[in-house]
Amino acid sequence: MSQISVFEIPERFTIAQAQQVYEELNGLLESEEVESIVLDAGEVMKIDAAGLQLLLSFYRTAAKFHKSVQWRNPSNEMIDCAAILGVSKALALDNTVN
């Protein structure tokens, strides 16, 4: 049975939170039940390059696991930081759901 899983990106997502977020996201990738992952970025108030790098790596790895990834309500901070680092398109931040 396929399942949609929603993952809430922390309000503060920096290198300090990267290991914990990595482990949680990796668990979603390895789950056979999860077919689609929604990344809820609505509460993100601070994100650094390490956080964006991890999300980019996750987004690319999810495709190898045949998992779809969509965004829910990315915050302005998330959108702005991704644009500054030039990864908005690679993260497909325009692929959002409600």
PDB file of N, CA and C in Angstrom:
ATOM      1  N   MET A   1       0.836  -1.178   0.000  1.00  0.00           N
ATOM      2  CA  MET A   1       0.000   0.000   0.000  1.00  0.00           C
ATOM      3  C   MET A   1       0.882   1.243   0.000  1.00  0.00           C
ATOM      4  N   SER A   2       0.666   2.136  -0.946  1.00  0.00           N
ATOM      5  CA  SER A   2       1.483   3.338  -1.022  1.00  0.00           C
ATOM      6  C   SER A   2       1.019   4.358   0.005  1.00  0.00           C
ATOM      7  N   GLN A   3       1.954   5.162   0.421  1.00  0.00           N
ATOM      8  CA  GLN A   3       1.682   6.113   1.476  1.00  0.00           C
ATOM      9  C   GLN A   3       2.363   7.431   1.162  1.00  0.00           C
ATOM     10  N   ILE A   4       1.700   8.520   1.539  1.00  0.00           N
ATOM     11  CA  ILE A   4       2.303   9.845   1.456  1.00  0.00           C
ATOM     12  C   ILE A   4       2.773  10.201   2.850  1.00  0.00           C
ATOM     13  N   SER A   5       4.016  10.646   2.949  1.00  0.00           N
ATOM     14  CA  SER A   5       4.567  11.037   4.235  1.00  0.00           C
ATOM     15  C   SER A   5       4.925  12.519   4.185  1.00  0.00           C
ATOM     16  N   VAL A   6       4.529  13.248   5.225  1.00  0.00           N
ATOM     17  CA  VAL A   6       4.849  14.673   5.318  1.00  0.00           C
ATOM     18  C   VAL A   6       5.983  14.843   6.316  1.00  0.00           C
ATOM     19  N   PHE A   7       7.035  15.528   5.874  1.00  0.00           N
ATOM     20  CA  PHE A   7       8.177  15.804   6.743  1.00  0.00           C
ATOM     21  C   PHE A   7       8.262  17.304   6.957  1.00  0.00           C
ATOM     22  N   GLU A   8       8.221  17.734   8.207  1.00  0.00           N
ATOM     23  CA  GLU A   8       8.318  19.156   8.524  1.00  0.00           C
ATOM     24  C   GLU A   8       9.781  19.534   8.713  1.00  0.00           C
ATOM     25  N   ILE A   9      10.237  20.421   7.845  1.00  0.00           N
ATOM     26  CA  ILE A   9      11.606  20.915   7.957  1.00  0.00           C
ATOM     27  C   ILE A   9      11.657  21.838   9.175  1.00  0.00           C
ATOM     28  N   PRO A  10      12.692  21.703  10.011  1.00  0.00           N
ATOM     29  CA  PRO A  10      12.749  22.506  11.236  1.00  0.00           C
ATOM     30  C   PRO A  10      12.763  24.010  10.950  1.00  0.00           C
ATOM     31  N   GLU A  11      12.248  24.757  11.923  1.00  0.00           N
ATOM     32  CA  GLU A  11      12.235  26.217  11.823  1.00  0.00           C
ATOM     33  C   GLU A  11      13.652  26.755  11.624  1.00  0.00           C
ATOM     34  N   ARG A  12      14.582  26.163  12.322  1.00  0.00           N
ATOM     35  CA  ARG A  12      15.994  26.531  12.195  1.00  0.00           C
ATOM     36  C   ARG A  12      16.701  25.298  11.635  1.00  0.00           C
ATOM     37  N   PHE A  13      17.123  25.383  10.379  1.00  0.00           N
ATOM     38  CA  PHE A  13      17.742  24.232   9.723  1.00  0.00           C
ATOM     39  C   PHE A  13      19.139  24.620   9.261  1.00  0.00           C
ATOM     40  N   THR A  14      20.088  24.358  10.148  1.00  0.00           N
ATOM     41  CA  THR A  14      21.487  24.671   9.879  1.00  0.00           C
ATOM     42  C   THR A  14      22.309  23.396  10.026  1.00  0.00           C
ATOM     43  N   ILE A  15      23.594  23.554   9.915  1.00  0.00           N
ATOM     44  CA  ILE A  15      24.486  22.399  10.033  1.00  0.00           C
ATOM     45  C   ILE A  15      24.270  21.670  11.366  1.00  0.00           C
ATOM     46  N   ALA A  16      23.852  22.402  12.394  1.00  0.00           N
ATOM     47  CA  ALA A  16      23.625  21.793  13.710  1.00  0.00           C
ATOM     48  C   ALA A  16      22.488  20.770  13.689  1.00  0.00           C
ATOM     49  N   GLN A  17      21.512  20.952  12.817  1.00  0.00           N
ATOM     50  CA  GLN A  17      20.379  20.030  12.726  1.00  0.00           C
ATOM     51  C   GLN A  17      20.528  19.025  11.588  1.00  0.00           C
ATOM     52  N   ALA A  18      21.559  19.172  10.785  1.00  0.00           N
ATOM     53  CA  ALA A  18      21.690  18.378   9.557  1.00  0.00           C
ATOM     54  C   ALA A  18      21.717  16.866   9.813  1.00  0.00           C
ATOM     55  N   GLN A  19      22.433  16.410  10.808  1.00  0.00           N
ATOM     56  CA  GLN A  19      22.540  14.968  11.064  1.00  0.00           C
ATOM     57  C   GLN A  19      21.183  14.364  11.415  1.00  0.00           C
ATOM     58  N   GLN A  20      20.454  15.029  12.295  1.00  0.00           N
ATOM     59  CA  GLN A  20      19.146  14.512  12.699  1.00  0.00           C
ATOM     60  C   GLN A  20      18.179  14.502  11.516  1.00  0.00           C
ATOM     61  N   VAL A  21      18.156  15.582  10.743  1.00  0.00           N
ATOM     62  CA  VAL A  21      17.264  15.652   9.582  1.00  0.00           C
ATOM     63  C   VAL A  21      17.655  14.590   8.562  1.00  0.00           C
ATOM     64  N   TYR A  22      18.958  14.406   8.353  1.00  0.00           N
ATOM     65  CA  TYR A  22      19.437  13.385   7.419  1.00  0.00           C
ATOM     66  C   TYR A  22      18.905  12.007   7.809  1.00  0.00           C
ATOM     67  N   GLU A  23      19.021  11.673   9.075  1.00  0.00           N
ATOM     68  CA  GLU A  23      18.579  10.357   9.538  1.00  0.00           C
ATOM     69  C   GLU A  23      17.072  10.164   9.333  1.00  0.00           C
ATOM     70  N   GLU A  24      16.294  11.204   9.608  1.00  0.00           N
ATOM     71  CA  GLU A  24      14.846  11.102   9.442  1.00  0.00           C
ATOM     72  C   GLU A  24      14.466  10.980   7.966  1.00  0.00           C
ATOM     73  N   LEU A  25      15.085  11.788   7.118  1.00  0.00           N
ATOM     74  CA  LEU A  25      14.789  11.721   5.687  1.00  0.00           C
ATOM     75  C   LEU A  25      15.246  10.394   5.092  1.00  0.00           C
ATOM     76  N   ASN A  26      16.383   9.906   5.534  1.00  0.00           N
ATOM     77  CA  ASN A  26      16.890   8.626   5.049  1.00  0.00           C
ATOM     78  C   ASN A  26      15.922   7.494   5.408  1.00  0.00           C
ATOM     79  N   GLY A  27      15.324   7.585   6.583  1.00  0.00           N
ATOM     80  CA  GLY A  27      14.328   6.593   6.980  1.00  0.00           C
ATOM     81  C   GLY A  27      13.131   6.578   6.041  1.00  0.00           C
ATOM     82  N   LEU A  28      12.725   7.754   5.563  1.00  0.00           N
ATOM     83  CA  LEU A  28      11.620   7.825   4.604  1.00  0.00           C
ATOM     84  C   LEU A  28      12.011   7.190   3.276  1.00  0.00           C
ATOM     85  N   LEU A  29      13.248   7.404   2.863  1.00  0.00           N
ATOM     86  CA  LEU A  29      13.714   6.810   1.606  1.00  0.00           C
ATOM     87  C   LEU A  29      13.741   5.293   1.684  1.00  0.00           C
ATOM     88  N   GLU A  30      14.146   4.775   2.819  1.00  0.00           N
ATOM     89  CA  GLU A  30      14.285   3.329   2.969  1.00  0.00           C
ATOM     90  C   GLU A  30      12.956   2.620   3.233  1.00  0.00           C
ATOM     91  N   SER A  31      11.931   3.370   3.591  1.00  0.00           N
ATOM     92  CA  SER A  31      10.628   2.771   3.875  1.00  0.00           C
ATOM     93  C   SER A  31       9.962   2.306   2.587  1.00  0.00           C
ATOM     94  N   GLU A  32       9.590   1.045   2.559  1.00  0.00           N
ATOM     95  CA  GLU A  32       8.920   0.498   1.379  1.00  0.00           C
ATOM     96  C   GLU A  32       7.483   0.993   1.270  1.00  0.00           C
ATOM     97  N   GLU A  33       6.886   1.401   2.377  1.00  0.00           N
ATOM     98  CA  GLU A  33       5.505   1.878   2.363  1.00  0.00           C
ATOM     99  C   GLU A  33       5.378   3.288   1.794  1.00  0.00           C
ATOM    100  N   VAL A  34       6.404   4.106   1.988  1.00  0.00           N
ATOM    101  CA  VAL A  34       6.348   5.506   1.559  1.00  0.00           C
ATOM    102  C   VAL A  34       6.665   5.608   0.076  1.00  0.00           C
ATOM    103  N   GLU A  35       5.715   6.158  -0.661  1.00  0.00           N
ATOM    104  CA  GLU A  35       5.886   6.331  -2.101  1.00  0.00           C
ATOM    105  C   GLU A  35       6.086   7.795  -2.473  1.00  0.00           C
ATOM    106  N   SER A  36       5.494   8.679  -1.693  1.00  0.00           N
ATOM    107  CA  SER A  36       5.544  10.107  -1.974  1.00  0.00           C
ATOM    108  C   SER A  36       5.871  10.859  -0.691  1.00  0.00           C
ATOM    109  N   ILE A  37       6.736  11.865  -0.805  1.00  0.00           N
ATOM    110  CA  ILE A  37       7.171  12.633   0.359  1.00  0.00           C
ATOM    111  C   ILE A  37       6.862  14.102   0.113  1.00  0.00           C
ATOM    112  N   VAL A  38       6.199  14.709   1.083  1.00  0.00           N
ATOM    113  CA  VAL A  38       5.912  16.141   1.032  1.00  0.00           C
ATOM    114  C   VAL A  38       6.805  16.814   2.062  1.00  0.00           C
ATOM    115  N   LEU A  39       7.628  17.751   1.600  1.00  0.00           N
ATOM    116  CA  LEU A  39       8.501  18.508   2.485  1.00  0.00           C
ATOM    117  C   LEU A  39       7.795  19.802   2.857  1.00  0.00           C
ATOM    118  N   ASP A  40       7.409  19.916   4.117  1.00  0.00           N
ATOM    119  CA  ASP A  40       6.720  21.111   4.601  1.00  0.00           C
ATOM    120  C   ASP A  40       7.770  22.095   5.101  1.00  0.00           C
ATOM    121  N   ALA A  41       7.940  23.185   4.359  1.00  0.00           N
ATOM    122  CA  ALA A  41       8.964  24.179   4.687  1.00  0.00           C
ATOM    123  C   ALA A  41       8.341  25.499   5.123  1.00  0.00           C
ATOM    124  N   GLY A  42       7.100  25.455   5.566  1.00  0.00           N
ATOM    125  CA  GLY A  42       6.381  26.663   5.931  1.00  0.00           C
ATOM    126  C   GLY A  42       6.886  27.356   7.177  1.00  0.00           C
ATOM    127  N   GLU A  43       7.554  26.622   8.059  1.00  0.00           N
ATOM    128  CA  GLU A  43       8.032  27.202   9.313  1.00  0.00           C
ATOM    129  C   GLU A  43       9.511  27.580   9.276  1.00  0.00           C
ATOM    130  N   VAL A  44      10.174  27.370   8.158  1.00  0.00           N
ATOM    131  CA  VAL A  44      11.612  27.644   8.076  1.00  0.00           C
ATOM    132  C   VAL A  44      11.870  29.142   8.219  1.00  0.00           C
ATOM    133  N   MET A  45      12.603  29.503   9.271  1.00  0.00           N
ATOM    134  CA  MET A  45      12.974  30.899   9.507  1.00  0.00           C
ATOM    135  C   MET A  45      14.461  31.131   9.261  1.00  0.00           C
ATOM    136  N   LYS A  46      15.238  30.053   9.339  1.00  0.00           N
ATOM    137  CA  LYS A  46      16.678  30.153   9.089  1.00  0.00           C
ATOM    138  C   LYS A  46      17.139  28.850   8.460  1.00  0.00           C
ATOM    139  N   ILE A  47      17.858  28.984   7.351  1.00  0.00           N
ATOM    140  CA  ILE A  47      18.435  27.816   6.692  1.00  0.00           C
ATOM    141  C   ILE A  47      19.786  28.229   6.139  1.00  0.00           C
ATOM    142  N   ASP A  48      20.771  27.367   6.287  1.00  0.00           N
ATOM    143  CA  ASP A  48      22.099  27.692   5.767  1.00  0.00           C
ATOM    144  C   ASP A  48      22.438  26.782   4.587  1.00  0.00           C
ATOM    145  N   ALA A  49      23.640  26.953   4.070  1.00  0.00           N
ATOM    146  CA  ALA A  49      24.068  26.183   2.898  1.00  0.00           C
ATOM    147  C   ALA A  49      24.058  24.684   3.182  1.00  0.00           C
ATOM    148  N   ALA A  50      24.421  24.285   4.396  1.00  0.00           N
ATOM    149  CA  ALA A  50      24.428  22.855   4.736  1.00  0.00           C
ATOM    150  C   ALA A  50      23.012  22.284   4.674  1.00  0.00           C
ATOM    151  N   GLY A  51      22.041  23.026   5.170  1.00  0.00           N
ATOM    152  CA  GLY A  51      20.652  22.573   5.112  1.00  0.00           C
ATOM    153  C   GLY A  51      20.161  22.442   3.684  1.00  0.00           C
ATOM    154  N   LEU A  52      20.469  23.434   2.862  1.00  0.00           N
ATOM    155  CA  LEU A  52      20.056  23.379   1.458  1.00  0.00           C
ATOM    156  C   LEU A  52      20.767  22.256   0.713  1.00  0.00           C
ATOM    157  N   GLN A  53      22.033  22.044   1.026  1.00  0.00           N
ATOM    158  CA  GLN A  53      22.792  20.949   0.397  1.00  0.00           C
ATOM    159  C   GLN A  53      22.164  19.600   0.723  1.00  0.00           C
ATOM    160  N   LEU A  54      21.787  19.428   1.976  1.00  0.00           N
ATOM    161  CA  LEU A  54      21.169  18.172   2.381  1.00  0.00           C
ATOM    162  C   LEU A  54      19.846  17.969   1.647  1.00  0.00           C
ATOM    163  N   LEU A  55      19.046  19.016   1.532  1.00  0.00           N
ATOM    164  CA  LEU A  55      17.765  18.906   0.830  1.00  0.00           C
ATOM    165  C   LEU A  55      17.963  18.607  -0.646  1.00  0.00           C
ATOM    166  N   LEU A  56      18.970  19.211  -1.243  1.00  0.00           N
ATOM    167  CA  LEU A  56      19.257  18.952  -2.656  1.00  0.00           C
ATOM    168  C   LEU A  56      19.691  17.500  -2.851  1.00  0.00           C
ATOM    169  N   SER A  57      20.557  17.023  -1.982  1.00  0.00           N
ATOM    170  CA  SER A  57      20.996  15.631  -2.055  1.00  0.00           C
ATOM    171  C   SER A  57      19.809  14.688  -1.855  1.00  0.00           C
ATOM    172  N   PHE A  58      18.956  15.001  -0.891  1.00  0.00           N
ATOM    173  CA  PHE A  58      17.769  14.182  -0.646  1.00  0.00           C
ATOM    174  C   PHE A  58      16.865  14.161  -1.869  1.00  0.00           C
ATOM    175  N   TYR A  59      16.631  15.314  -2.451  1.00  0.00           N
ATOM    176  CA  TYR A  59      15.741  15.423  -3.614  1.00  0.00           C
ATOM    177  C   TYR A  59      16.243  14.543  -4.759  1.00  0.00           C
ATOM    178  N   ARG A  60      17.546  14.574  -4.985  1.00  0.00           N
ATOM    179  CA  ARG A  60      18.132  13.764  -6.068  1.00  0.00           C
ATOM    180  C   ARG A  60      18.127  12.276  -5.725  1.00  0.00           C
ATOM    181  N   THR A  61      18.408  11.951  -4.487  1.00  0.00           N
ATOM    182  CA  THR A  61      18.435  10.552  -4.067  1.00  0.00           C
ATOM    183  C   THR A  61      17.035   9.942  -4.092  1.00  0.00           C
ATOM    184  N   ALA A  62      16.032  10.732  -3.765  1.00  0.00           N
ATOM    185  CA  ALA A  62      14.651  10.234  -3.772  1.00  0.00           C
ATOM    186  C   ALA A  62      14.268   9.695  -5.144  1.00  0.00           C
ATOM    187  N   ALA A  63      14.729  10.342  -6.188  1.00  0.00           N
ATOM    188  CA  ALA A  63      14.426   9.875  -7.551  1.00  0.00           C
ATOM    189  C   ALA A  63      15.002   8.482  -7.783  1.00  0.00           C
ATOM    190  N   LYS A  64      16.174   8.213  -7.234  1.00  0.00           N
ATOM    191  CA  LYS A  64      16.793   6.894  -7.387  1.00  0.00           C
ATOM    192  C   LYS A  64      16.000   5.811  -6.649  1.00  0.00           C
ATOM    193  N   PHE A  65      15.294   6.221  -5.597  1.00  0.00           N
ATOM    194  CA  PHE A  65      14.452   5.301  -4.833  1.00  0.00           C
ATOM    195  C   PHE A  65      13.028   5.262  -5.381  1.00  0.00           C
ATOM    196  N   HIS A  66      12.803   5.944  -6.497  1.00  0.00           N
ATOM    197  CA  HIS A  66      11.481   6.014  -7.142  1.00  0.00           C
ATOM    198  C   HIS A  66      10.425   6.606  -6.211  1.00  0.00           C
ATOM    199  N   LYS A  67      10.830   7.648  -5.483  1.00  0.00           N
ATOM    200  CA  LYS A  67       9.917   8.359  -4.584  1.00  0.00           C
ATOM    201  C   LYS A  67       9.695   9.760  -5.146  1.00  0.00           C
ATOM    202  N   SER A  68       8.455  10.200  -5.134  1.00  0.00           N
ATOM    203  CA  SER A  68       8.182  11.569  -5.569  1.00  0.00           C
ATOM    204  C   SER A  68       8.326  12.502  -4.370  1.00  0.00           C
ATOM    205  N   VAL A  69       8.787  13.718  -4.646  1.00  0.00           N
ATOM    206  CA  VAL A  69       8.972  14.722  -3.599  1.00  0.00           C
ATOM    207  C   VAL A  69       8.278  15.999  -4.040  1.00  0.00           C
ATOM    208  N   GLN A  70       7.483  16.547  -3.137  1.00  0.00           N
ATOM    209  CA  GLN A  70       6.831  17.826  -3.382  1.00  0.00           C
ATOM    210  C   GLN A  70       7.034  18.721  -2.172  1.00  0.00           C
ATOM    211  N   TRP A  71       6.852  20.012  -2.400  1.00  0.00           N
ATOM    212  CA  TRP A  71       6.997  20.999  -1.338  1.00  0.00           C
ATOM    213  C   TRP A  71       5.631  21.467  -0.871  1.00  0.00           C
ATOM    214  N   ARG A  72       5.551  21.770   0.399  1.00  0.00           N
ATOM    215  CA  ARG A  72       4.348  22.404   0.941  1.00  0.00           C
ATOM    216  C   ARG A  72       4.754  23.742   1.555  1.00  0.00           C
ATOM    217  N   ASN A  73       4.193  24.797   0.997  1.00  0.00           N
ATOM    218  CA  ASN A  73       4.300  26.126   1.577  1.00  0.00           C
ATOM    219  C   ASN A  73       5.726  26.544   1.956  1.00  0.00           C
ATOM    220  N   PRO A  74       6.685  26.519   1.030  1.00  0.00           N
ATOM    221  CA  PRO A  74       8.034  26.959   1.403  1.00  0.00           C
ATOM    222  C   PRO A  74       8.018  28.418   1.863  1.00  0.00           C
ATOM    223  N   SER A  75       8.666  28.689   2.981  1.00  0.00           N
ATOM    224  CA  SER A  75       8.700  30.043   3.538  1.00  0.00           C
ATOM    225  C   SER A  75       9.506  30.971   2.629  1.00  0.00           C
ATOM    226  N   ASN A  76       9.311  32.260   2.816  1.00  0.00           N
ATOM    227  CA  ASN A  76      10.081  33.240   2.047  1.00  0.00           C
ATOM    228  C   ASN A  76      11.571  33.080   2.301  1.00  0.00           C
ATOM    229  N   GLU A  77      11.938  32.770   3.535  1.00  0.00           N
ATOM    230  CA  GLU A  77      13.353  32.561   3.879  1.00  0.00           C
ATOM    231  C   GLU A  77      13.936  31.398   3.075  1.00  0.00           C
ATOM    232  N   MET A  78      13.189  30.329   3.001  1.00  0.00           N
ATOM    233  CA  MET A  78      13.619  29.151   2.236  1.00  0.00           C
ATOM    234  C   MET A  78      13.779  29.503   0.757  1.00  0.00           C
ATOM    235  N   ILE A  79      12.786  30.167   0.202  1.00  0.00           N
ATOM    236  CA  ILE A  79      12.820  30.544  -1.213  1.00  0.00           C
ATOM    237  C   ILE A  79      13.973  31.494  -1.495  1.00  0.00           C
ATOM    238  N   ASP A  80      14.151  32.498  -0.635  1.00  0.00           N
ATOM    239  CA  ASP A  80      15.217  33.485  -0.835  1.00  0.00           C
ATOM    240  C   ASP A  80      16.602  32.857  -0.742  1.00  0.00           C
ATOM    241  N   CYS A  81      16.825  32.022   0.259  1.00  0.00           N
ATOM    242  CA  CYS A  81      18.143  31.388   0.426  1.00  0.00           C
ATOM    243  C   CYS A  81      18.455  30.447  -0.734  1.00  0.00           C
ATOM    244  N   ALA A  82      17.467  29.708  -1.179  1.00  0.00           N
ATOM    245  CA  ALA A  82      17.677  28.812  -2.323  1.00  0.00           C
ATOM    246  C   ALA A  82      18.013  29.616  -3.574  1.00  0.00           C
ATOM    247  N   ALA A  83      17.352  30.756  -3.750  1.00  0.00           N
ATOM    248  CA  ALA A  83      17.624  31.608  -4.910  1.00  0.00           C
ATOM    249  C   ALA A  83      19.035  32.185  -4.844  1.00  0.00           C
ATOM    250  N   ILE A  84      19.443  32.633  -3.666  1.00  0.00           N
ATOM    251  CA  ILE A  84      20.784  33.205  -3.499  1.00  0.00           C
ATOM    252  C   ILE A  84      21.851  32.177  -3.845  1.00  0.00           C
ATOM    253  N   LEU A  85      21.639  30.937  -3.444  1.00  0.00           N
ATOM    254  CA  LEU A  85      22.620  29.882  -3.713  1.00  0.00           C
ATOM    255  C   LEU A  85      22.422  29.226  -5.078  1.00  0.00           C
ATOM    256  N   GLY A  86      21.394  29.642  -5.794  1.00  0.00           N
ATOM    257  CA  GLY A  86      21.178  29.139  -7.155  1.00  0.00           C
ATOM    258  C   GLY A  86      20.670  27.712  -7.238  1.00  0.00           C
ATOM    259  N   VAL A  87      19.918  27.276  -6.228  1.00  0.00           N
ATOM    260  CA  VAL A  87      19.431  25.890  -6.238  1.00  0.00           C
ATOM    261  C   VAL A  87      17.903  25.783  -6.300  1.00  0.00           C
ATOM    262  N   SER A  88      17.226  26.883  -6.533  1.00  0.00           N
ATOM    263  CA  SER A  88      15.752  26.865  -6.577  1.00  0.00           C
ATOM    264  C   SER A  88      15.227  25.893  -7.616  1.00  0.00           C
ATOM    265  N   LYS A  89      15.785  25.963  -8.799  1.00  0.00           N
ATOM    266  CA  LYS A  89      15.317  25.093  -9.886  1.00  0.00           C
ATOM    267  C   LYS A  89      15.655  23.629  -9.592  1.00  0.00           C
ATOM    268  N   ALA A  90      16.865  23.376  -9.110  1.00  0.00           N
ATOM    269  CA  ALA A  90      17.280  22.002  -8.808  1.00  0.00           C
ATOM    270  C   ALA A  90      16.418  21.389  -7.703  1.00  0.00           C
ATOM    271  N   LEU A  91      15.948  22.224  -6.781  1.00  0.00           N
ATOM    272  CA  LEU A  91      15.074  21.742  -5.708  1.00  0.00           C
ATOM    273  C   LEU A  91      13.611  21.690  -6.130  1.00  0.00           C
ATOM    274  N   ALA A  92      13.322  22.218  -7.301  1.00  0.00           N
ATOM    275  CA  ALA A  92      11.942  22.257  -7.818  1.00  0.00           C
ATOM    276  C   ALA A  92      10.995  22.896  -6.810  1.00  0.00           C
ATOM    277  N   LEU A  93      11.396  24.052  -6.293  1.00  0.00           N
ATOM    278  CA  LEU A  93      10.575  24.730  -5.295  1.00  0.00           C
ATOM    279  C   LEU A  93       9.227  25.190  -5.837  1.00  0.00           C
ATOM    280  N   ASP A  94       9.069  25.153  -7.137  1.00  0.00           N
ATOM    281  CA  ASP A  94       7.772  25.503  -7.715  1.00  0.00           C
ATOM    282  C   ASP A  94       6.807  24.311  -7.719  1.00  0.00           C
ATOM    283  N   ASN A  95       7.290  23.141  -7.320  1.00  0.00           N
ATOM    284  CA  ASN A  95       6.468  21.927  -7.261  1.00  0.00           C
ATOM    285  C   ASN A  95       5.846  21.829  -5.864  1.00  0.00           C
ATOM    286  N   THR A  96       4.789  22.627  -5.633  1.00  0.00           N
ATOM    287  CA  THR A  96       4.198  22.689  -4.300  1.00  0.00           C
ATOM    288  C   THR A  96       2.796  22.094  -4.276  1.00  0.00           C
ATOM    289  N   VAL A  97       2.408  21.652  -3.081  1.00  0.00           N
ATOM    290  CA  VAL A  97       1.054  21.155  -2.828  1.00  0.00           C
ATOM    291  C   VAL A  97       0.494  21.925  -1.644  1.00  0.00           C
ATOM    292  N   ASN A  98      -0.809  21.886  -1.485  1.00  0.00           N
ATOM    293  CA  ASN A  98      -1.444  22.545  -0.332  1.00  0.00           C
ATOM    294  C   ASN A  98      -1.654  21.576   0.797  1.00  0.00           C
TER     295      ASN A  98
END
